[in-house]
Amino acid sequence: MKRKKAISYFNQGYNCAQSVFSAFSDEFGINKEIARSIASGFGAGFGRLQETCGVVTGAIMVIGCKYFKRNDCPGSKEIVYQKTRDFISRFKERNGTINCLELIGVDFNTEEGMQTAKKKNLFRDKCEKYVRDACEILEEII
C-alpha cells in the first residue's frame, strides 16, 4: 500500500509533499531521490508558508504524472484538472480545508507555534493523517 510507504517516508523525516510524491514515483519511472528533490520546496504549505498543504501538492504531482501525456494530446490537461478538482474535493470532505495553517492550527513560523506543534505531536498526529488521507484518495481516483 502506498499510504504505508508514504507514512514511513514521513516518519523518516521527509516532508509531506515528498512523502506522498515519492510513494508513487516508481509507477512513473521517477527515481525516489529525484521525486524528493522535486517536491522538497512544497512541504509545510510551500516552504513552511502554511498555504496549500504539501500532501495536496504532492498528490497533484502524482496526478500530473499519471494523466498528462503531452501538451498536444487532446484532453490531457483537462483530465489532470478534473482529477485535481476531484482530489481536492475529496480531501476537503475529509478535512474541511486544504490550507496547512487551518489544518494544523498553529503557525510554524513562530517559536511558540513550533514548540506547540512539537509538544502536541501535531506532525505525527495530524500531518500523518493527512499523508494517509492523500494516499487513500489517490488510490481511489487514479
Protein backbone atom coordinates (compact mmCIF):
# COMPACT_ATOMS: atom_id res chain seq x y z
CA MET A 1 0.00 0.00 0.00
CA LYS A 2 1.22 3.45 -0.96
CA ARG A 3 0.00 5.03 2.26
CA LYS A 4 2.27 2.81 4.37
CA LYS A 5 5.24 3.79 2.21
CA ALA A 6 4.33 7.47 2.43
CA ILE A 7 3.89 7.37 6.21
CA SER A 8 7.20 5.54 6.54
CA TYR A 9 8.92 8.23 4.46
CA PHE A 10 7.25 10.95 6.53
CA ASN A 11 8.44 9.31 9.75
CA GLN A 12 11.96 9.18 8.30
CA GLY A 13 11.90 12.98 8.10
CA TYR A 14 10.77 13.66 4.54
CA ASN A 15 8.21 16.42 4.30
CA CYS A 16 4.56 15.81 3.47
CA ALA A 17 4.85 16.56 -0.25
CA GLN A 18 7.99 14.45 -0.61
CA SER A 19 6.37 11.56 1.23
CA VAL A 20 3.27 11.44 -0.96
CA PHE A 21 5.01 12.05 -4.29
CA SER A 22 7.86 9.59 -3.70
CA ALA A 23 5.45 6.85 -2.56
CA PHE A 24 4.00 6.86 -6.10
CA SER A 25 7.03 7.98 -8.15
CA ASP A 26 8.20 4.50 -9.10
CA GLU A 27 4.95 3.99 -11.04
CA PHE A 28 6.10 6.72 -13.41
CA GLY A 29 9.76 5.74 -13.69
CA ILE A 30 10.86 8.59 -11.44
CA ASN A 31 13.71 7.83 -9.05
CA LYS A 32 12.69 8.43 -5.42
CA GLU A 33 15.58 10.82 -4.79
CA ILE A 34 14.63 12.89 -7.82
CA ALA A 35 10.99 12.86 -6.71
CA ARG A 36 12.04 14.05 -3.27
CA SER A 37 14.16 16.81 -4.79
CA ILE A 38 11.26 17.98 -6.97
CA ALA A 39 8.84 18.00 -4.01
CA SER A 40 11.26 19.40 -1.41
CA GLY A 41 10.05 23.01 -1.53
CA PHE A 42 6.37 22.11 -1.31
CA GLY A 43 6.37 20.87 2.30
CA ALA A 44 4.50 22.64 5.08
CA GLY A 45 2.38 24.57 2.62
CA PHE A 46 5.10 25.80 0.23
CA GLY A 47 8.34 26.21 2.16
CA ARG A 48 6.62 26.45 5.53
CA LEU A 49 4.38 29.31 4.42
CA GLN A 50 1.46 27.11 5.51
CA GLU A 51 -0.53 27.78 2.36
CA THR A 52 -1.77 24.75 0.37
CA CYS A 53 -0.94 21.59 2.33
CA GLY A 54 2.06 19.67 1.00
CA VAL A 55 0.14 16.40 0.78
CA VAL A 56 -2.19 18.14 -1.67
CA THR A 57 0.64 19.47 -3.84
CA GLY A 58 2.38 16.09 -3.70
CA ALA A 59 -0.84 14.39 -4.77
CA ILE A 60 -1.32 16.83 -7.65
CA MET A 61 2.20 15.96 -8.85
CA VAL A 62 1.15 12.29 -8.86
CA ILE A 63 -2.00 13.14 -10.82
CA GLY A 64 0.04 15.10 -13.37
CA CYS A 65 2.48 12.21 -13.81
CA LYS A 66 -0.37 9.76 -14.27
CA TYR A 67 -2.61 11.68 -16.65
CA PHE A 68 -0.65 14.37 -18.50
CA LYS A 69 0.74 12.94 -21.73
CA ARG A 70 1.82 15.83 -23.94
CA ASN A 71 0.61 19.35 -24.50
CA ASP A 72 -0.53 18.39 -27.99
CA CYS A 73 -2.52 15.41 -26.67
CA PRO A 74 -6.19 16.46 -26.78
CA GLY A 75 -7.87 16.42 -23.40
CA SER A 76 -4.76 15.51 -21.41
CA LYS A 77 -4.64 18.76 -19.48
CA GLU A 78 -8.39 18.70 -18.87
CA ILE A 79 -8.17 15.21 -17.35
CA VAL A 80 -5.44 16.45 -15.00
CA TYR A 81 -7.59 19.42 -13.98
CA GLN A 82 -10.65 17.23 -13.42
CA LYS A 83 -8.70 14.72 -11.31
CA THR A 84 -7.13 17.60 -9.37
CA ARG A 85 -10.55 19.07 -8.58
CA ASP A 86 -11.82 15.62 -7.60
CA PHE A 87 -8.86 15.06 -5.28
CA ILE A 88 -9.26 18.47 -3.63
CA SER A 89 -13.00 17.97 -3.19
CA ARG A 90 -12.48 14.60 -1.50
CA PHE A 91 -9.68 15.93 0.70
CA LYS A 92 -11.88 18.84 1.80
CA GLU A 93 -14.74 16.42 2.55
CA ARG A 94 -12.45 14.57 4.95
CA ASN A 95 -10.59 17.51 6.45
CA GLY A 96 -12.54 20.72 5.78
CA THR A 97 -9.75 22.61 4.00
CA ILE A 98 -6.53 22.24 2.03
CA ASN A 99 -4.81 25.10 3.87
CA CYS A 100 -1.91 23.93 6.04
CA LEU A 101 -2.33 26.60 8.72
CA GLU A 102 -6.03 25.78 9.09
CA LEU A 103 -5.33 22.03 9.13
CA ILE A 104 -2.61 22.27 11.78
CA GLY A 105 -3.90 25.21 13.81
CA VAL A 106 -0.52 26.66 14.77
CA ASP A 107 1.95 28.93 12.98
CA PHE A 108 5.20 27.05 12.31
CA ASN A 109 6.97 30.35 11.70
CA THR A 110 6.87 31.44 15.32
CA GLU A 111 8.95 29.90 18.06
CA GLU A 112 5.81 29.44 20.15
CA GLY A 113 3.94 27.78 17.27
CA MET A 114 6.76 25.37 16.51
CA GLN A 115 7.12 24.46 20.19
CA THR A 116 3.36 23.87 20.43
CA ALA A 117 3.42 21.67 17.31
CA LYS A 118 6.25 19.57 18.73
CA LYS A 119 4.80 19.42 22.25
CA LYS A 120 1.38 18.31 20.98
CA ASN A 121 2.90 15.90 18.40
CA LEU A 122 0.96 17.66 15.65
CA PHE A 123 3.34 16.47 12.94
CA ARG A 124 2.82 12.87 13.96
CA ASP A 125 -0.86 13.06 14.85
CA LYS A 126 -2.25 15.49 12.27
CA CYS A 127 0.22 15.51 9.38
CA GLU A 128 0.49 11.74 9.34
CA LYS A 129 -3.31 11.55 8.98
CA TYR A 130 -3.20 13.95 6.03
CA VAL A 131 -0.46 11.88 4.36
CA ARG A 132 -2.63 8.79 4.78
CA ASP A 133 -5.76 10.56 3.52
CA ALA A 134 -3.96 11.86 0.42
CA CYS A 135 -2.70 8.39 -0.48
CA GLU A 136 -6.09 6.78 0.09
CA ILE A 137 -7.80 9.35 -2.10
CA LEU A 138 -5.18 8.95 -4.82
CA GLU A 139 -5.65 5.20 -4.78
CA GLU A 140 -9.39 5.75 -5.25
CA ILE A 141 -9.12 8.15 -8.19
CA ILE A 142 -6.09 7.12 -10.24
